[in-house]
All heavy atoms as atom14 arrays in JSON, in Angstrom:
{
  "sequence": "LILAVFLFSLPLFAQTPFPEPWPKALVPQEYWQTLLTGNAT",
  "atom14_mask": [
    [1, 1, 1, 1, 1, 1, 1, 1, 0, 0, 0, 0, 0, 0],
    [1, 1, 1, 1, 1, 1, 1, 1, 0, 0, 0, 0, 0, 0],
    [1, 1, 1, 1, 1, 1, 1, 1, 0, 0, 0, 0, 0, 0],
    [1, 1, 1, 1, 1, 0, 0, 0, 0, 0, 0, 0, 0, 0],
    [1, 1, 1, 1, 1, 1, 1, 0, 0, 0, 0, 0, 0, 0],
    [1, 1, 1, 1, 1, 1, 1, 1, 1, 1, 1, 0, 0, 0],
    [1, 1, 1, 1, 1, 1, 1, 1, 0, 0, 0, 0, 0, 0],
    [1, 1, 1, 1, 1, 1, 1, 1, 1, 1, 1, 0, 0, 0],
    [1, 1, 1, 1, 1, 1, 0, 0, 0, 0, 0, 0, 0, 0],
    [1, 1, 1, 1, 1, 1, 1, 1, 0, 0, 0, 0, 0, 0],
    [1, 1, 1, 1, 1, 1, 1, 0, 0, 0, 0, 0, 0, 0],
    [1, 1, 1, 1, 1, 1, 1, 1, 0, 0, 0, 0, 0, 0],
    [1, 1, 1, 1, 1, 1, 1, 1, 1, 1, 1, 0, 0, 0],
    [1, 1, 1, 1, 1, 0, 0, 0, 0, 0, 0, 0, 0, 0],
    [1, 1, 1, 1, 1, 1, 1, 1, 1, 0, 0, 0, 0, 0],
    [1, 1, 1, 1, 1, 1, 1, 0, 0, 0, 0, 0, 0, 0],
    [1, 1, 1, 1, 1, 1, 1, 0, 0, 0, 0, 0, 0, 0],
    [1, 1, 1, 1, 1, 1, 1, 1, 1, 1, 1, 0, 0, 0],
    [1, 1, 1, 1, 1, 1, 1, 0, 0, 0, 0, 0, 0, 0],
    [1, 1, 1, 1, 1, 1, 1, 1, 1, 0, 0, 0, 0, 0],
    [1, 1, 1, 1, 1, 1, 1, 0, 0, 0, 0, 0, 0, 0],
    [1, 1, 1, 1, 1, 1, 1, 1, 1, 1, 1, 1, 1, 1],
    [1, 1, 1, 1, 1, 1, 1, 0, 0, 0, 0, 0, 0, 0],
    [1, 1, 1, 1, 1, 1, 1, 1, 1, 0, 0, 0, 0, 0],
    [1, 1, 1, 1, 1, 0, 0, 0, 0, 0, 0, 0, 0, 0],
    [1, 1, 1, 1, 1, 1, 1, 1, 0, 0, 0, 0, 0, 0],
    [1, 1, 1, 1, 1, 1, 1, 0, 0, 0, 0, 0, 0, 0],
    [1, 1, 1, 1, 1, 1, 1, 0, 0, 0, 0, 0, 0, 0],
    [1, 1, 1, 1, 1, 1, 1, 1, 1, 0, 0, 0, 0, 0],
    [1, 1, 1, 1, 1, 1, 1, 1, 1, 0, 0, 0, 0, 0],
    [1, 1, 1, 1, 1, 1, 1, 1, 1, 1, 1, 1, 0, 0],
    [1, 1, 1, 1, 1, 1, 1, 1, 1, 1, 1, 1, 1, 1],
    [1, 1, 1, 1, 1, 1, 1, 1, 1, 0, 0, 0, 0, 0],
    [1, 1, 1, 1, 1, 1, 1, 0, 0, 0, 0, 0, 0, 0],
    [1, 1, 1, 1, 1, 1, 1, 1, 0, 0, 0, 0, 0, 0],
    [1, 1, 1, 1, 1, 1, 1, 1, 0, 0, 0, 0, 0, 0],
    [1, 1, 1, 1, 1, 1, 1, 0, 0, 0, 0, 0, 0, 0],
    [1, 1, 1, 1, 0, 0, 0, 0, 0, 0, 0, 0, 0, 0],
    [1, 1, 1, 1, 1, 1, 1, 1, 0, 0, 0, 0, 0, 0],
    [1, 1, 1, 1, 1, 0, 0, 0, 0, 0, 0, 0, 0, 0],
    [1, 1, 1, 1, 1, 1, 1, 0, 0, 0, 0, 0, 0, 0]
  ],
  "atom14_positions": [
    [[21.44, 10.82, 13.52], [20.45, 11.43, 12.64], [19.68, 10.37, 11.86], [18.45, 10.43, 11.75], [21.13, 12.4, 11.67], [20.22, 13.1, 10.65], [19.16, 13.92, 11.39], [21.02, 13.96, 9.71], [0.0, 0.0, 0.0], [0.0, 0.0, 0.0], [0.0, 0.0, 0.0], [0.0, 0.0, 0.0], [0.0, 0.0, 0.0], [0.0, 0.0, 0.0]],
    [[20.39, 9.37, 11.33], [19.74, 8.28, 10.59], [18.78, 7.52, 11.48], [17.65, 7.19, 11.1], [20.8, 7.34, 9.98], [21.6, 8.07, 8.9], [20.13, 6.09, 9.4], [22.79, 7.27, 8.39], [0.0, 0.0, 0.0], [0.0, 0.0, 0.0], [0.0, 0.0, 0.0], [0.0, 0.0, 0.0], [0.0, 0.0, 0.0], [0.0, 0.0, 0.0]],
    [[19.21, 7.24, 12.72], [18.38, 6.5, 13.67], [17.13, 7.29, 14.02], [16.02, 6.75, 14.1], [19.17, 6.18, 14.93], [18.43, 5.38, 16.02], [17.99, 4.03, 15.46], [19.32, 5.2, 17.24], [0.0, 0.0, 0.0], [0.0, 0.0, 0.0], [0.0, 0.0, 0.0], [0.0, 0.0, 0.0], [0.0, 0.0, 0.0], [0.0, 0.0, 0.0]],
    [[17.29, 8.61, 14.19], [16.15, 9.45, 14.54], [15.12, 9.47, 13.42], [13.91, 9.4, 13.66], [16.63, 10.87, 14.85], [0.0, 0.0, 0.0], [0.0, 0.0, 0.0], [0.0, 0.0, 0.0], [0.0, 0.0, 0.0], [0.0, 0.0, 0.0], [0.0, 0.0, 0.0], [0.0, 0.0, 0.0], [0.0, 0.0, 0.0], [0.0, 0.0, 0.0]],
    [[15.58, 9.57, 12.16], [14.67, 9.56, 11.02], [13.93, 8.25, 10.95], [12.71, 8.2, 10.7], [15.44, 9.83, 9.71], [14.54, 9.6, 8.51], [15.97, 11.26, 9.7], [0.0, 0.0, 0.0], [0.0, 0.0, 0.0], [0.0, 0.0, 0.0], [0.0, 0.0, 0.0], [0.0, 0.0, 0.0], [0.0, 0.0, 0.0], [0.0, 0.0, 0.0]],
    [[14.64, 7.14, 11.17], [14.02, 5.82, 11.11], [12.95, 5.66, 12.19], [11.83, 5.22, 11.92], [15.09, 4.74, 11.27], [14.53, 3.35, 11.39], [14.03, 2.69, 10.28], [14.47, 2.72, 12.63], [13.51, 1.42, 10.38], [13.94, 1.46, 12.74], [13.46, 0.79, 11.61], [0.0, 0.0, 0.0], [0.0, 0.0, 0.0], [0.0, 0.0, 0.0]],
    [[13.28, 6.06, 13.42], [12.34, 5.9, 14.52], [11.11, 6.8, 14.35], [10.01, 6.45, 14.75], [13.04, 6.22, 15.85], [14.12, 5.22, 16.29], [14.8, 5.7, 17.56], [13.53, 3.83, 16.49], [0.0, 0.0, 0.0], [0.0, 0.0, 0.0], [0.0, 0.0, 0.0], [0.0, 0.0, 0.0], [0.0, 0.0, 0.0], [0.0, 0.0, 0.0]],
    [[11.32, 7.97, 13.73], [10.21, 8.88, 13.5], [9.24, 8.33, 12.46], [8.04, 8.45, 12.58], [10.74, 10.25, 13.04], [9.64, 11.23, 12.71], [8.95, 11.88, 13.71], [9.29, 11.48, 11.38], [7.93, 12.78, 13.42], [8.27, 12.36, 11.09], [7.59, 13.02, 12.1], [0.0, 0.0, 0.0], [0.0, 0.0, 0.0], [0.0, 0.0, 0.0]],
    [[9.8, 7.68, 11.43], [8.96, 7.18, 10.34], [8.33, 5.84, 10.66], [7.32, 5.47, 10.06], [9.78, 7.05, 9.04], [10.82, 6.1, 9.21], [0.0, 0.0, 0.0], [0.0, 0.0, 0.0], [0.0, 0.0, 0.0], [0.0, 0.0, 0.0], [0.0, 0.0, 0.0], [0.0, 0.0, 0.0], [0.0, 0.0, 0.0], [0.0, 0.0, 0.0]],
    [[8.88, 5.09, 11.61], [8.39, 3.75, 11.9], [6.92, 3.72, 12.32], [6.15, 2.91, 11.8], [9.27, 3.09, 12.98], [8.97, 1.63, 13.3], [9.1, 0.78, 12.04], [9.89, 1.12, 14.4], [0.0, 0.0, 0.0], [0.0, 0.0, 0.0], [0.0, 0.0, 0.0], [0.0, 0.0, 0.0], [0.0, 0.0, 0.0], [0.0, 0.0, 0.0]],
    [[6.47, 4.59, 13.24], [5.06, 4.56, 13.61], [4.14, 4.85, 12.44], [3.06, 4.28, 12.32], [4.95, 5.64, 14.69], [6.33, 5.8, 15.21], [7.22, 5.57, 14.03], [0.0, 0.0, 0.0], [0.0, 0.0, 0.0], [0.0, 0.0, 0.0], [0.0, 0.0, 0.0], [0.0, 0.0, 0.0], [0.0, 0.0, 0.0], [0.0, 0.0, 0.0]],
    [[4.55, 5.76, 11.56], [3.73, 6.09, 10.4], [3.6, 4.89, 9.47], [2.52, 4.59, 8.97], [4.35, 7.27, 9.63], [4.4, 8.6, 10.41], [5.08, 9.66, 9.55], [3.01, 9.06, 10.82], [0.0, 0.0, 0.0], [0.0, 0.0, 0.0], [0.0, 0.0, 0.0], [0.0, 0.0, 0.0], [0.0, 0.0, 0.0], [0.0, 0.0, 0.0]],
    [[4.72, 4.18, 9.27], [4.69, 2.99, 8.41], [3.81, 1.92, 9.02], [3.04, 1.25, 8.35], [6.11, 2.47, 8.21], [6.16, 1.17, 7.45], [6.01, 1.17, 6.07], [6.34, -0.03, 8.11], [6.03, -0.02, 5.36], [6.37, -1.22, 7.39], [6.23, -1.21, 6.03], [0.0, 0.0, 0.0], [0.0, 0.0, 0.0], [0.0, 0.0, 0.0]],
    [[3.93, 1.77, 10.35], [3.17, 0.72, 11.03], [1.67, 0.96, 10.95], [0.88, 0.03, 11.03], [3.61, 0.64, 12.5], [0.0, 0.0, 0.0], [0.0, 0.0, 0.0], [0.0, 0.0, 0.0], [0.0, 0.0, 0.0], [0.0, 0.0, 0.0], [0.0, 0.0, 0.0], [0.0, 0.0, 0.0], [0.0, 0.0, 0.0], [0.0, 0.0, 0.0]],
    [[1.27, 2.23, 10.78], [-0.15, 2.54, 10.73], [-0.7, 2.52, 9.3], [-1.9, 2.67, 9.11], [-0.38, 3.92, 11.34], [-0.06, 3.96, 12.84], [-0.13, 5.37, 13.4], [-0.64, 6.28, 12.74], [0.37, 5.55, 14.59], [0.0, 0.0, 0.0], [0.0, 0.0, 0.0], [0.0, 0.0, 0.0], [0.0, 0.0, 0.0], [0.0, 0.0, 0.0]],
    [[0.16, 2.37, 8.31], [-0.3, 2.35, 6.93], [-1.04, 1.06, 6.65], [-0.48, -0.02, 6.81], [0.88, 2.48, 5.95], [1.58, 3.69, 6.21], [0.39, 2.49, 4.51], [0.0, 0.0, 0.0], [0.0, 0.0, 0.0], [0.0, 0.0, 0.0], [0.0, 0.0, 0.0], [0.0, 0.0, 0.0], [0.0, 0.0, 0.0], [0.0, 0.0, 0.0]],
    [[-2.32, 1.12, 6.25], [-3.08, -0.12, 6.03], [-2.6, -0.85, 4.79], [-2.15, -0.25, 3.82], [-4.52, 0.38, 5.86], [-4.37, 1.78, 5.34], [-3.12, 2.32, 6.0], [0.0, 0.0, 0.0], [0.0, 0.0, 0.0], [0.0, 0.0, 0.0], [0.0, 0.0, 0.0], [0.0, 0.0, 0.0], [0.0, 0.0, 0.0], [0.0, 0.0, 0.0]],
    [[-2.69, -2.15, 4.83], [-2.41, -2.98, 3.65], [-3.46, -4.07, 3.6], [-3.73, -4.73, 4.61], [-1.02, -3.61, 3.71], [-0.76, -4.51, 2.53], [-0.24, -3.99, 1.37], [-1.09, -5.86, 2.57], [-0.02, -4.81, 0.27], [-0.88, -6.68, 1.47], [-0.34, -6.15, 0.32], [0.0, 0.0, 0.0], [0.0, 0.0, 0.0], [0.0, 0.0, 0.0]],
    [[-4.05, -4.31, 2.44], [-3.85, -3.55, 1.22], [-4.63, -2.24, 1.23], [-5.52, -2.06, 2.07], [-4.41, -4.48, 0.13], [-5.48, -5.24, 0.86], [-4.97, -5.44, 2.26], [0.0, 0.0, 0.0], [0.0, 0.0, 0.0], [0.0, 0.0, 0.0], [0.0, 0.0, 0.0], [0.0, 0.0, 0.0], [0.0, 0.0, 0.0], [0.0, 0.0, 0.0]],
    [[-4.31, -1.36, 0.31], [-5.07, -0.13, 0.19], [-6.48, -0.45, -0.29], [-6.7, -1.47, -0.94], [-4.38, 0.82, -0.79], [-3.02, 1.31, -0.31], [-2.39, 2.29, -1.28], [-3.05, 2.63, -2.28], [-1.27, 2.72, -1.02], [0.0, 0.0, 0.0], [0.0, 0.0, 0.0], [0.0, 0.0, 0.0], [0.0, 0.0, 0.0], [0.0, 0.0, 0.0]],
    [[-7.46, 0.41, 0.0], [-8.82, 0.18, -0.49], [-8.85, 0.08, -2.02], [-7.99, 0.64, -2.7], [-9.58, 1.41, 0.0], [-8.78, 1.92, 1.15], [-7.35, 1.62, 0.82], [0.0, 0.0, 0.0], [0.0, 0.0, 0.0], [0.0, 0.0, 0.0], [0.0, 0.0, 0.0], [0.0, 0.0, 0.0], [0.0, 0.0, 0.0], [0.0, 0.0, 0.0]],
    [[-9.84, -0.64, -2.54], [-9.99, -0.73, -3.99], [-10.13, 0.68, -4.57], [-10.85, 1.5, -4.02], [-11.24, -1.51, -4.36], [-11.24, -2.97, -4.04], [-11.91, -3.57, -3.03], [-10.55, -4.01, -4.73], [-11.69, -4.92, -3.05], [-10.86, -5.23, -4.09], [-9.71, -4.03, -5.85], [-10.36, -6.45, -4.52], [-9.21, -5.25, -6.28], [-9.53, -6.43, -5.62]],
    [[-9.48, 0.97, -5.69], [-9.72, 2.24, -6.38], [-11.18, 2.34, -6.82], [-11.85, 1.34, -7.04], [-8.77, 2.18, -7.59], [-7.73, 1.18, -7.2], [-8.43, 0.18, -6.32], [0.0, 0.0, 0.0], [0.0, 0.0, 0.0], [0.0, 0.0, 0.0], [0.0, 0.0, 0.0], [0.0, 0.0, 0.0], [0.0, 0.0, 0.0], [0.0, 0.0, 0.0]],
    [[-11.67, 3.55, -6.91], [-13.08, 3.76, -7.25], [-13.32, 3.55, -8.75], [-12.45, 3.79, -9.58], [-13.5, 5.17, -6.85], [-13.38, 5.46, -5.36], [-14.37, 4.62, -4.56], [-14.3, 4.99, -3.08], [-15.23, 4.19, -2.27], [0.0, 0.0, 0.0], [0.0, 0.0, 0.0], [0.0, 0.0, 0.0], [0.0, 0.0, 0.0], [0.0, 0.0, 0.0]],
    [[-14.56, 3.18, -9.05], [-15.08, 3.14, -10.43], [-14.18, 2.36, -11.4], [-13.84, 2.83, -12.48], [-15.29, 4.56, -10.95], [0.0, 0.0, 0.0], [0.0, 0.0, 0.0], [0.0, 0.0, 0.0], [0.0, 0.0, 0.0], [0.0, 0.0, 0.0], [0.0, 0.0, 0.0], [0.0, 0.0, 0.0], [0.0, 0.0, 0.0], [0.0, 0.0, 0.0]],
    [[-13.79, 1.16, -11.0], [-12.96, 0.34, -11.88], [-13.83, -0.52, -12.79], [-14.9, -0.98, -12.4], [-12.06, -0.58, -11.05], [-10.91, 0.09, -10.28], [-10.12, -0.99, -9.56], [-10.0, 0.86, -11.21], [0.0, 0.0, 0.0], [0.0, 0.0, 0.0], [0.0, 0.0, 0.0], [0.0, 0.0, 0.0], [0.0, 0.0, 0.0], [0.0, 0.0, 0.0]],
    [[-13.35, -0.75, -13.99], [-13.98, -1.72, -14.89], [-13.37, -3.08, -14.58], [-12.32, -3.16, -13.93], [-13.76, -1.34, -16.37], [-14.38, 0.01, -16.66], [-12.27, -1.33, -16.71], [0.0, 0.0, 0.0], [0.0, 0.0, 0.0], [0.0, 0.0, 0.0], [0.0, 0.0, 0.0], [0.0, 0.0, 0.0], [0.0, 0.0, 0.0], [0.0, 0.0, 0.0]],
    [[-13.99, -4.2, -15.02], [-13.49, -5.53, -14.66], [-12.0, -5.74, -14.93], [-11.29, -6.3, -14.09], [-14.36, -6.45, -15.52], [-15.66, -5.72, -15.63], [-15.28, -4.27, -15.73], [0.0, 0.0, 0.0], [0.0, 0.0, 0.0], [0.0, 0.0, 0.0], [0.0, 0.0, 0.0], [0.0, 0.0, 0.0], [0.0, 0.0, 0.0], [0.0, 0.0, 0.0]],
    [[-11.5, -5.31, -16.09], [-10.1, -5.54, -16.4], [-9.17, -4.79, -15.46], [-8.07, -5.26, -15.14], [-9.81, -5.13, -17.85], [-8.42, -5.52, -18.35], [-8.18, -7.04, -18.32], [-9.11, -7.82, -18.53], [-6.95, -7.45, -18.07], [0.0, 0.0, 0.0], [0.0, 0.0, 0.0], [0.0, 0.0, 0.0], [0.0, 0.0, 0.0], [0.0, 0.0, 0.0]],
    [[-9.61, -3.64, -14.96], [-8.79, -2.88, -14.01], [-8.74, -3.59, -12.66], [-7.72, -3.54, -11.96], [-9.34, -1.47, -13.86], [-9.13, -0.61, -15.1], [-9.8, 0.75, -14.99], [-10.93, 0.81, -14.46], [-9.21, 1.73, -15.44], [0.0, 0.0, 0.0], [0.0, 0.0, 0.0], [0.0, 0.0, 0.0], [0.0, 0.0, 0.0], [0.0, 0.0, 0.0]],
    [[-9.82, -4.26, -12.29], [-9.77, -5.07, -11.07], [-8.76, -6.2, -11.22], [-8.04, -6.53, -10.28], [-11.16, -5.64, -10.76], [-12.06, -4.67, -10.04], [-13.14, -4.1, -10.7], [-11.84, -4.33, -8.71], [-13.98, -3.2, -10.04], [-12.66, -3.44, -8.05], [-13.73, -2.87, -8.72], [-14.54, -1.98, -8.08], [0.0, 0.0, 0.0], [0.0, 0.0, 0.0]],
    [[-8.73, -6.8, -12.39], [-7.75, -7.87, -12.64], [-6.33, -7.34, -12.5], [-5.47, -7.99, -11.9], [-7.99, -8.46, -14.03], [-6.98, -9.48, -14.45], [-6.14, -9.43, -15.52], [-6.72, -10.74, -13.83], [-5.37, -10.55, -15.61], [-5.7, -11.39, -14.58], [-7.24, -11.4, -12.71], [-5.2, -12.64, -14.24], [-6.73, -12.66, -12.37], [-5.72, -13.26, -13.13]],
    [[-6.05, -6.16, -13.03], [-4.72, -5.58, -12.91], [-4.38, -5.28, -11.45], [-3.24, -5.45, -11.02], [-4.63, -4.3, -13.75], [-4.69, -4.54, -15.26], [-3.62, -5.51, -15.75], [-2.47, -5.45, -15.33], [-4.01, -6.42, -16.63], [0.0, 0.0, 0.0], [0.0, 0.0, 0.0], [0.0, 0.0, 0.0], [0.0, 0.0, 0.0], [0.0, 0.0, 0.0]],
    [[-5.38, -4.86, -10.68], [-5.15, -4.63, -9.26], [-4.82, -5.94, -8.54], [-3.93, -5.99, -7.68], [-6.39, -3.98, -8.62], [-6.67, -2.74, -9.27], [-6.17, -3.72, -7.14], [0.0, 0.0, 0.0], [0.0, 0.0, 0.0], [0.0, 0.0, 0.0], [0.0, 0.0, 0.0], [0.0, 0.0, 0.0], [0.0, 0.0, 0.0], [0.0, 0.0, 0.0]],
    [[-5.51, -7.01, -8.93], [-5.2, -8.32, -8.35], [-3.77, -8.75, -8.68], [-3.07, -9.31, -7.83], [-6.19, -9.37, -8.87], [-7.64, -9.25, -8.4], [-8.5, -10.31, -9.09], [-7.74, -9.38, -6.89], [0.0, 0.0, 0.0], [0.0, 0.0, 0.0], [0.0, 0.0, 0.0], [0.0, 0.0, 0.0], [0.0, 0.0, 0.0], [0.0, 0.0, 0.0]],
    [[-3.34, -8.49, -9.9], [-1.98, -8.86, -10.3], [-0.94, -8.04, -9.55], [0.15, -8.54, -9.24], [-1.81, -8.69, -11.82], [-2.62, -9.64, -12.7], [-2.29, -9.4, -14.17], [-2.36, -11.1, -12.33], [0.0, 0.0, 0.0], [0.0, 0.0, 0.0], [0.0, 0.0, 0.0], [0.0, 0.0, 0.0], [0.0, 0.0, 0.0], [0.0, 0.0, 0.0]],
    [[-1.26, -6.8, -9.25], [-0.35, -5.97, -8.45], [-0.2, -6.57, -7.05], [0.92, -6.68, -6.53], [-0.87, -4.53, -8.35], [-0.93, -3.95, -9.65], [0.04, -3.68, -7.46], [0.0, 0.0, 0.0], [0.0, 0.0, 0.0], [0.0, 0.0, 0.0], [0.0, 0.0, 0.0], [0.0, 0.0, 0.0], [0.0, 0.0, 0.0], [0.0, 0.0, 0.0]],
    [[-1.31, -6.98, -6.46], [-1.24, -7.64, -5.16], [-0.5, -8.96, -5.24], [0.24, -9.33, -4.32], [0.0, 0.0, 0.0], [0.0, 0.0, 0.0], [0.0, 0.0, 0.0], [0.0, 0.0, 0.0], [0.0, 0.0, 0.0], [0.0, 0.0, 0.0], [0.0, 0.0, 0.0], [0.0, 0.0, 0.0], [0.0, 0.0, 0.0], [0.0, 0.0, 0.0]],
    [[-0.69, -9.68, -6.34], [0.01, -10.94, -6.53], [1.52, -10.75, -6.6], [2.29, -11.57, -6.08], [-0.51, -11.64, -7.78], [0.19, -12.95, -8.07], [0.81, -13.13, -9.12], [0.12, -13.9, -7.14], [0.0, 0.0, 0.0], [0.0, 0.0, 0.0], [0.0, 0.0, 0.0], [0.0, 0.0, 0.0], [0.0, 0.0, 0.0], [0.0, 0.0, 0.0]],
    [[1.96, -9.66, -7.22], [3.4, -9.37, -7.3], [3.98, -9.14, -5.91], [5.1, -9.59, -5.6], [3.64, -8.15, -8.19], [0.0, 0.0, 0.0], [0.0, 0.0, 0.0], [0.0, 0.0, 0.0], [0.0, 0.0, 0.0], [0.0, 0.0, 0.0], [0.0, 0.0, 0.0], [0.0, 0.0, 0.0], [0.0, 0.0, 0.0], [0.0, 0.0, 0.0]],
    [[3.22, -8.47, -5.04], [3.67, -8.26, -3.66], [3.75, -9.59, -2.92], [4.69, -9.85, -2.18], [2.71, -7.31, -2.92], [2.58, -6.09, -3.66], [3.22, -6.98, -1.53], [0.0, 0.0, 0.0], [0.0, 0.0, 0.0], [0.0, 0.0, 0.0], [0.0, 0.0, 0.0], [0.0, 0.0, 0.0], [0.0, 0.0, 0.0], [0.0, 0.0, 0.0]]
  ]
}
């Protein structure tokens, strides 16, 4: 059961884009926070 769940979710994970698109209508400081989030990754 565990293996089946893993194999089912794997294609979905593989198709998830990284990074996500920029959030809409951000002010400059919010862009900086988004950059820091990416930096943490």
